[in-house]
């Protein structure tokens, strides 16, 4: 069974915040495919083919608790994590396997349950605000302009999810490489080239 984890915090007050981009990706994926999530105490979940998608209800710094419970329920052998990344420019994307937690409390908690080298990741950039405390910044909602920039990226992340479910992570990486190349010189409004940072300090 494949497990897709969208990271975020439960509750309406966090729904549109920068730290909840993992939830936002899964919610958009579900709505565009007429699927829904079932509510349970430790996670909301949706099962599709040989994949279970979850949104933890344990808050970001205890996301690993939700994954542990999901693994008790389903026989999971592959993991895909979708999360925000302060170190990437807004609306940029990085797809990779492994890496450190970069200070991201959700990834740090997941690492207690999943070996970091087994974590396949879709990281979506939320940028940084100069002089702002990151802890406050990530819990603020996106502005209207930021939403407009992010929308095509969230849609593309949903397409990556479809590829992962239907095939495997290798297909996701192939599609990501083609997408990155096709937009490397794009100036189209609302689309940002999915740049890769030279360091691996992303969340």
C-alpha atoms as a PDB file:
ATOM      1  CA  UNK A   1       0.000   0.000   0.000  1.00  0.00           C
ATOM      2  CA  UNK A   2       1.209   3.505  -0.801  1.00  0.00           C
ATOM      3  CA  UNK A   3       0.713   6.270   1.754  1.00  0.00           C
ATOM      4  CA  UNK A   4       0.438   9.929   0.764  1.00  0.00           C
ATOM      5  CA  UNK A   5       0.687  12.394   3.652  1.00  0.00           C
ATOM      6  CA  UNK A   6      -0.305  16.024   3.189  1.00  0.00           C
ATOM      7  CA  UNK A   7       1.118  18.033   6.094  1.00  0.00           C
ATOM      8  CA  UNK A   8      -0.807  20.748   7.888  1.00  0.00           C
ATOM      9  CA  UNK A   9      -2.684  21.671  11.040  1.00  0.00           C
ATOM     10  CA  UNK A  10      -6.322  20.713  11.647  1.00  0.00           C
ATOM     11  CA  UNK A  11      -8.993  23.342  12.201  1.00  0.00           C
ATOM     12  CA  UNK A  12     -10.669  26.074  10.156  1.00  0.00           C
ATOM     13  CA  UNK A  13      -8.320  28.749  11.516  1.00  0.00           C
ATOM     14  CA  UNK A  14      -5.368  27.059   9.801  1.00  0.00           C
ATOM     15  CA  UNK A  15      -7.029  26.025   6.533  1.00  0.00           C
ATOM     16  CA  UNK A  16      -5.648  28.793   4.307  1.00  0.00           C
ATOM     17  CA  UNK A  17      -2.295  29.271   6.020  1.00  0.00           C
ATOM     18  CA  UNK A  18       1.081  28.774   4.388  1.00  0.00           C
ATOM     19  CA  UNK A  19       1.946  25.818   6.639  1.00  0.00           C
ATOM     20  CA  UNK A  20      -1.155  23.952   5.405  1.00  0.00           C
ATOM     21  CA  UNK A  21      -0.179  23.636   1.779  1.00  0.00           C
ATOM     22  CA  UNK A  22      -0.054  19.846   2.110  1.00  0.00           C
ATOM     23  CA  UNK A  23      -3.720  19.810   3.147  1.00  0.00           C
ATOM     24  CA  UNK A  24      -4.553  22.256   0.363  1.00  0.00           C
ATOM     25  CA  UNK A  25      -3.000  19.996  -2.279  1.00  0.00           C
ATOM     26  CA  UNK A  26      -4.956  16.962  -1.080  1.00  0.00           C
ATOM     27  CA  UNK A  27      -8.211  18.910  -0.774  1.00  0.00           C
ATOM     28  CA  UNK A  28      -7.887  20.255  -4.314  1.00  0.00           C
ATOM     29  CA  UNK A  29      -6.958  16.812  -5.635  1.00  0.00           C
ATOM     30  CA  UNK A  30     -10.053  15.328  -3.981  1.00  0.00           C
ATOM     31  CA  UNK A  31     -12.463  18.050  -5.111  1.00  0.00           C
ATOM     32  CA  UNK A  32     -11.320  17.901  -8.746  1.00  0.00           C
ATOM     33  CA  UNK A  33     -11.778  14.122  -8.762  1.00  0.00           C
ATOM     34  CA  UNK A  34     -15.052  14.073  -6.802  1.00  0.00           C
ATOM     35  CA  UNK A  35     -13.552  12.214  -3.910  1.00  0.00           C
ATOM     36  CA  UNK A  36     -13.862  12.924  -0.206  1.00  0.00           C
ATOM     37  CA  UNK A  37     -12.012  12.337   3.047  1.00  0.00           C
ATOM     38  CA  UNK A  38     -13.413  10.344   5.947  1.00  0.00           C
ATOM     39  CA  UNK A  39     -12.946  12.005   9.326  1.00  0.00           C
ATOM     40  CA  UNK A  40     -11.298  10.082  12.158  1.00  0.00           C
ATOM     41  CA  UNK A  41      -9.649  11.195  15.367  1.00  0.00           C
ATOM     42  CA  UNK A  42      -5.999  11.008  14.294  1.00  0.00           C
ATOM     43  CA  UNK A  43      -6.374  11.654  10.551  1.00  0.00           C
ATOM     44  CA  UNK A  44      -8.776  12.298   7.702  1.00  0.00           C
ATOM     45  CA  UNK A  45      -8.281   9.664   5.010  1.00  0.00           C
ATOM     46  CA  UNK A  46      -9.274   8.629   1.524  1.00  0.00           C
ATOM     47  CA  UNK A  47      -8.462   5.265  -0.047  1.00  0.00           C
ATOM     48  CA  UNK A  48      -8.048   5.099  -3.820  1.00  0.00           C
ATOM     49  CA  UNK A  49      -6.813   1.964  -5.587  1.00  0.00           C
ATOM     50  CA  UNK A  50      -3.704   0.793  -3.684  1.00  0.00           C
ATOM     51  CA  UNK A  51      -3.110   4.164  -2.029  1.00  0.00           C
ATOM     52  CA  UNK A  52      -4.323   5.829   1.145  1.00  0.00           C
ATOM     53  CA  UNK A  53      -4.120   9.621   1.435  1.00  0.00           C
ATOM     54  CA  UNK A  54      -4.179  11.183   4.894  1.00  0.00           C
ATOM     55  CA  UNK A  55      -4.336  14.607   6.512  1.00  0.00           C
ATOM     56  CA  UNK A  56      -3.103  14.308  10.118  1.00  0.00           C
ATOM     57  CA  UNK A  57      -5.356  15.639  12.878  1.00  0.00           C
ATOM     58  CA  UNK A  58      -2.559  15.579  15.451  1.00  0.00           C
ATOM     59  CA  UNK A  59      -1.077  19.013  14.592  1.00  0.00           C
ATOM     60  CA  UNK A  60       2.153  19.496  12.706  1.00  0.00           C
ATOM     61  CA  UNK A  61       4.658  18.558  15.390  1.00  0.00           C
ATOM     62  CA  UNK A  62       2.908  15.217  15.995  1.00  0.00           C
ATOM     63  CA  UNK A  63       2.304  14.232  12.376  1.00  0.00           C
ATOM     64  CA  UNK A  64       4.276  11.047  12.969  1.00  0.00           C
ATOM     65  CA  UNK A  65       1.576   9.855  15.376  1.00  0.00           C
ATOM     66  CA  UNK A  66      -0.955   9.885  12.533  1.00  0.00           C
ATOM     67  CA  UNK A  67       1.407   8.013  10.246  1.00  0.00           C
ATOM     68  CA  UNK A  68       2.054   5.410  12.930  1.00  0.00           C
ATOM     69  CA  UNK A  69      -1.685   4.787  13.283  1.00  0.00           C
ATOM     70  CA  UNK A  70      -2.143   4.635   9.519  1.00  0.00           C
ATOM     71  CA  UNK A  71       0.626   2.041   9.262  1.00  0.00           C
ATOM     72  CA  UNK A  72      -1.063  -0.038  11.931  1.00  0.00           C
ATOM     73  CA  UNK A  73      -4.253  -0.020   9.858  1.00  0.00           C
ATOM     74  CA  UNK A  74      -2.775  -0.519   6.392  1.00  0.00           C
ATOM     75  CA  UNK A  75       0.280  -2.419   5.223  1.00  0.00           C
ATOM     76  CA  UNK A  76       2.307   0.511   3.920  1.00  0.00           C
ATOM     77  CA  UNK A  77       5.502   0.019   1.918  1.00  0.00           C
ATOM     78  CA  UNK A  78       5.933   3.383   0.164  1.00  0.00           C
ATOM     79  CA  UNK A  79       5.573   6.979   1.334  1.00  0.00           C
ATOM     80  CA  UNK A  80       4.994  10.317  -0.397  1.00  0.00           C
ATOM     81  CA  UNK A  81       4.997  13.514   1.690  1.00  0.00           C
ATOM     82  CA  UNK A  82       3.613  16.869   0.510  1.00  0.00           C
ATOM     83  CA  UNK A  83       4.670  19.911   2.500  1.00  0.00           C
ATOM     84  CA  UNK A  84       5.540  23.608   2.496  1.00  0.00           C
ATOM     85  CA  UNK A  85       9.132  24.819   2.231  1.00  0.00           C
ATOM     86  CA  UNK A  86      10.376  28.163   3.540  1.00  0.00           C
ATOM     87  CA  UNK A  87      13.671  27.810   1.694  1.00  0.00           C
ATOM     88  CA  UNK A  88      12.079  27.646  -1.764  1.00  0.00           C
ATOM     89  CA  UNK A  89      10.670  30.735  -3.533  1.00  0.00           C
ATOM     90  CA  UNK A  90       6.896  31.097  -3.515  1.00  0.00           C
ATOM     91  CA  UNK A  91       5.163  28.718  -5.962  1.00  0.00           C
ATOM     92  CA  UNK A  92       8.342  26.816  -6.793  1.00  0.00           C
ATOM     93  CA  UNK A  93       8.544  23.057  -6.397  1.00  0.00           C
ATOM     94  CA  UNK A  94      11.159  20.478  -5.566  1.00  0.00           C
ATOM     95  CA  UNK A  95      10.566  16.743  -5.921  1.00  0.00           C
ATOM     96  CA  UNK A  96      13.070  14.358  -4.386  1.00  0.00           C
ATOM     97  CA  UNK A  97      13.666  11.436  -2.053  1.00  0.00           C
ATOM     98  CA  UNK A  98      15.317  11.800   1.335  1.00  0.00           C
ATOM     99  CA  UNK A  99      17.056  14.769   2.887  1.00  0.00           C
ATOM    100  CA  UNK A 100      16.986  16.406   6.301  1.00  0.00           C
ATOM    101  CA  UNK A 101      14.053  18.014   8.078  1.00  0.00           C
ATOM    102  CA  UNK A 102      15.409  21.552   7.618  1.00  0.00           C
ATOM    103  CA  UNK A 103      13.648  22.644  10.799  1.00  0.00           C
ATOM    104  CA  UNK A 104      10.203  21.575   9.568  1.00  0.00           C
ATOM    105  CA  UNK A 105       8.407  20.147  12.607  1.00  0.00           C
ATOM    106  CA  UNK A 106       6.135  17.946  10.513  1.00  0.00           C
ATOM    107  CA  UNK A 107       9.037  16.276   8.720  1.00  0.00           C
ATOM    108  CA  UNK A 108      10.905  15.999  11.998  1.00  0.00           C
ATOM    109  CA  UNK A 109       7.952  14.132  13.536  1.00  0.00           C
ATOM    110  CA  UNK A 110       7.534  11.883  10.502  1.00  0.00           C
ATOM    111  CA  UNK A 111      11.198  10.916  10.743  1.00  0.00           C
ATOM    112  CA  UNK A 112      10.378   9.204  14.033  1.00  0.00           C
ATOM    113  CA  UNK A 113       8.219   6.752  12.066  1.00  0.00           C
ATOM    114  CA  UNK A 114       9.727   6.734   8.555  1.00  0.00           C
ATOM    115  CA  UNK A 115      13.409   6.514   7.691  1.00  0.00           C
ATOM    116  CA  UNK A 116      14.298   9.844   6.022  1.00  0.00           C
ATOM    117  CA  UNK A 117      15.745   8.070   2.990  1.00  0.00           C
ATOM    118  CA  UNK A 118      12.340   6.429   2.432  1.00  0.00           C
ATOM    119  CA  UNK A 119      10.457   9.740   2.391  1.00  0.00           C
ATOM    120  CA  UNK A 120       9.580  10.751  -1.140  1.00  0.00           C
ATOM    121  CA  UNK A 121       8.690  14.424  -1.099  1.00  0.00           C
ATOM    122  CA  UNK A 122       6.886  17.118  -3.028  1.00  0.00           C
ATOM    123  CA  UNK A 123       8.009  20.386  -1.448  1.00  0.00           C
ATOM    124  CA  UNK A 124       6.181  23.570  -2.408  1.00  0.00           C
ATOM    125  CA  UNK A 125       7.850  26.894  -1.814  1.00  0.00           C
ATOM    126  CA  UNK A 126       6.195  29.496   0.372  1.00  0.00           C
ATOM    127  CA  UNK A 127       9.187  31.853   0.476  1.00  0.00           C
ATOM    128  CA  UNK A 128      10.345  33.931   3.401  1.00  0.00           C
ATOM    129  CA  UNK A 129       9.425  37.413   4.604  1.00  0.00           C
ATOM    130  CA  UNK A 130      12.478  39.481   5.529  1.00  0.00           C
ATOM    131  CA  UNK A 131      12.623  40.294   9.204  1.00  0.00           C
ATOM    132  CA  UNK A 132       9.644  38.096  10.056  1.00  0.00           C
ATOM    133  CA  UNK A 133       9.619  35.288  12.597  1.00  0.00           C
ATOM    134  CA  UNK A 134       9.138  32.116  10.504  1.00  0.00           C
ATOM    135  CA  UNK A 135       6.918  30.610  13.222  1.00  0.00           C
ATOM    136  CA  UNK A 136       4.450  33.475  12.753  1.00  0.00           C
ATOM    137  CA  UNK A 137       4.841  33.735   8.994  1.00  0.00           C
ATOM    138  CA  UNK A 138       3.923  30.112   8.243  1.00  0.00           C
ATOM    139  CA  UNK A 139       0.691  30.418  10.248  1.00  0.00           C
ATOM    140  CA  UNK A 140      -0.559  33.413   8.274  1.00  0.00           C
ATOM    141  CA  UNK A 141      -2.977  32.957   5.361  1.00  0.00           C
ATOM    142  CA  UNK A 142      -1.833  33.389   1.788  1.00  0.00           C
ATOM    143  CA  UNK A 143      -2.692  36.700   0.172  1.00  0.00           C
ATOM    144  CA  UNK A 144      -4.951  36.800  -2.888  1.00  0.00           C
ATOM    145  CA  UNK A 145      -1.940  37.420  -5.132  1.00  0.00           C
ATOM    146  CA  UNK A 146      -0.090  34.474  -3.582  1.00  0.00           C
ATOM    147  CA  UNK A 147      -3.114  32.226  -4.156  1.00  0.00           C
ATOM    148  CA  UNK A 148      -3.122  33.161  -7.828  1.00  0.00           C
ATOM    149  CA  UNK A 149       0.543  32.221  -8.171  1.00  0.00           C
ATOM    150  CA  UNK A 150       0.070  28.953  -6.290  1.00  0.00           C
ATOM    151  CA  UNK A 151      -3.038  27.671  -8.040  1.00  0.00           C
ATOM    152  CA  UNK A 152      -1.324  26.090 -11.086  1.00  0.00           C
ATOM    153  CA  UNK A 153       1.312  24.583  -8.800  1.00  0.00           C
ATOM    154  CA  UNK A 154      -1.342  22.960  -6.594  1.00  0.00           C
ATOM    155  CA  UNK A 155      -3.028  21.568  -9.698  1.00  0.00           C
ATOM    156  CA  UNK A 156       0.285  20.173 -10.953  1.00  0.00           C
ATOM    157  CA  UNK A 157       0.955  18.597  -7.544  1.00  0.00           C
ATOM    158  CA  UNK A 158      -2.393  16.822  -7.911  1.00  0.00           C
ATOM    159  CA  UNK A 159      -1.240  15.479 -11.268  1.00  0.00           C
ATOM    160  CA  UNK A 160       1.924  14.211  -9.607  1.00  0.00           C
ATOM    161  CA  UNK A 161      -0.290  12.416  -7.083  1.00  0.00           C
ATOM    162  CA  UNK A 162      -2.182  10.725  -9.918  1.00  0.00           C
ATOM    163  CA  UNK A 163       1.091   9.527 -11.457  1.00  0.00           C
ATOM    164  CA  UNK A 164       2.315   8.222  -8.130  1.00  0.00           C
ATOM    165  CA  UNK A 165      -0.932   6.305  -7.560  1.00  0.00           C
ATOM    166  CA  UNK A 166      -1.093   4.889 -11.084  1.00  0.00           C
ATOM    167  CA  UNK A 167       2.609   4.170 -11.526  1.00  0.00           C
ATOM    168  CA  UNK A 168       5.376   5.016  -9.059  1.00  0.00           C
ATOM    169  CA  UNK A 169       7.628   7.817  -7.875  1.00  0.00           C
ATOM    170  CA  UNK A 170       9.958   7.363 -10.844  1.00  0.00           C
ATOM    171  CA  UNK A 171       7.144   8.522 -13.119  1.00  0.00           C
ATOM    172  CA  UNK A 172       6.616  11.537 -10.876  1.00  0.00           C
ATOM    173  CA  UNK A 173      10.291  12.449 -11.201  1.00  0.00           C
ATOM    174  CA  UNK A 174      10.125  12.070 -14.982  1.00  0.00           C
ATOM    175  CA  UNK A 175       7.100  14.328 -15.250  1.00  0.00           C
ATOM    176  CA  UNK A 176       8.605  16.833 -12.851  1.00  0.00           C
ATOM    177  CA  UNK A 177      11.765  17.045 -14.968  1.00  0.00           C
ATOM    178  CA  UNK A 178       9.746  17.684 -18.133  1.00  0.00           C
ATOM    179  CA  UNK A 179       7.556  20.252 -16.380  1.00  0.00           C
ATOM    180  CA  UNK A 180      10.543  22.068 -14.943  1.00  0.00           C
ATOM    181  CA  UNK A 181      12.205  22.225 -18.339  1.00  0.00           C
ATOM    182  CA  UNK A 182       9.075  23.446 -20.124  1.00  0.00           C
ATOM    183  CA  UNK A 183       8.676  26.357 -17.720  1.00  0.00           C
ATOM    184  CA  UNK A 184      12.337  27.187 -17.225  1.00  0.00           C
ATOM    185  CA  UNK A 185      11.954  30.358 -19.307  1.00  0.00           C
ATOM    186  CA  UNK A 186       8.237  30.925 -18.778  1.00  0.00           C
ATOM    187  CA  UNK A 187       6.944  34.398 -18.111  1.00  0.00           C
ATOM    188  CA  UNK A 188       3.300  33.368 -18.120  1.00  0.00           C
ATOM    189  CA  UNK A 189       1.275  35.065 -15.395  1.00  0.00           C
ATOM    190  CA  UNK A 190       0.561  32.739 -12.513  1.00  0.00           C
ATOM    191  CA  UNK A 191       3.288  30.239 -13.353  1.00  0.00           C
ATOM    192  CA  UNK A 192       6.640  30.219 -11.616  1.00  0.00           C
ATOM    193  CA  UNK A 193       9.462  28.030 -12.788  1.00  0.00           C
ATOM    194  CA  UNK A 194       9.947  25.187 -10.268  1.00  0.00           C
ATOM    195  CA  UNK A 195      13.495  26.163  -9.399  1.00  0.00           C
ATOM    196  CA  UNK A 196      15.750  23.907  -7.406  1.00  0.00           C
ATOM    197  CA  UNK A 197      17.907  25.418  -4.737  1.00  0.00           C
ATOM    198  CA  UNK A 198      21.602  24.525  -4.745  1.00  0.00           C
ATOM    199  CA  UNK A 199      21.483  23.427  -1.108  1.00  0.00           C
ATOM    200  CA  UNK A 200      19.425  20.770   0.625  1.00  0.00           C
ATOM    201  CA  UNK A 201      18.245  22.816   3.558  1.00  0.00           C
ATOM    202  CA  UNK A 202      14.591  22.826   2.466  1.00  0.00           C
ATOM    203  CA  UNK A 203      11.857  21.696   4.837  1.00  0.00           C
END
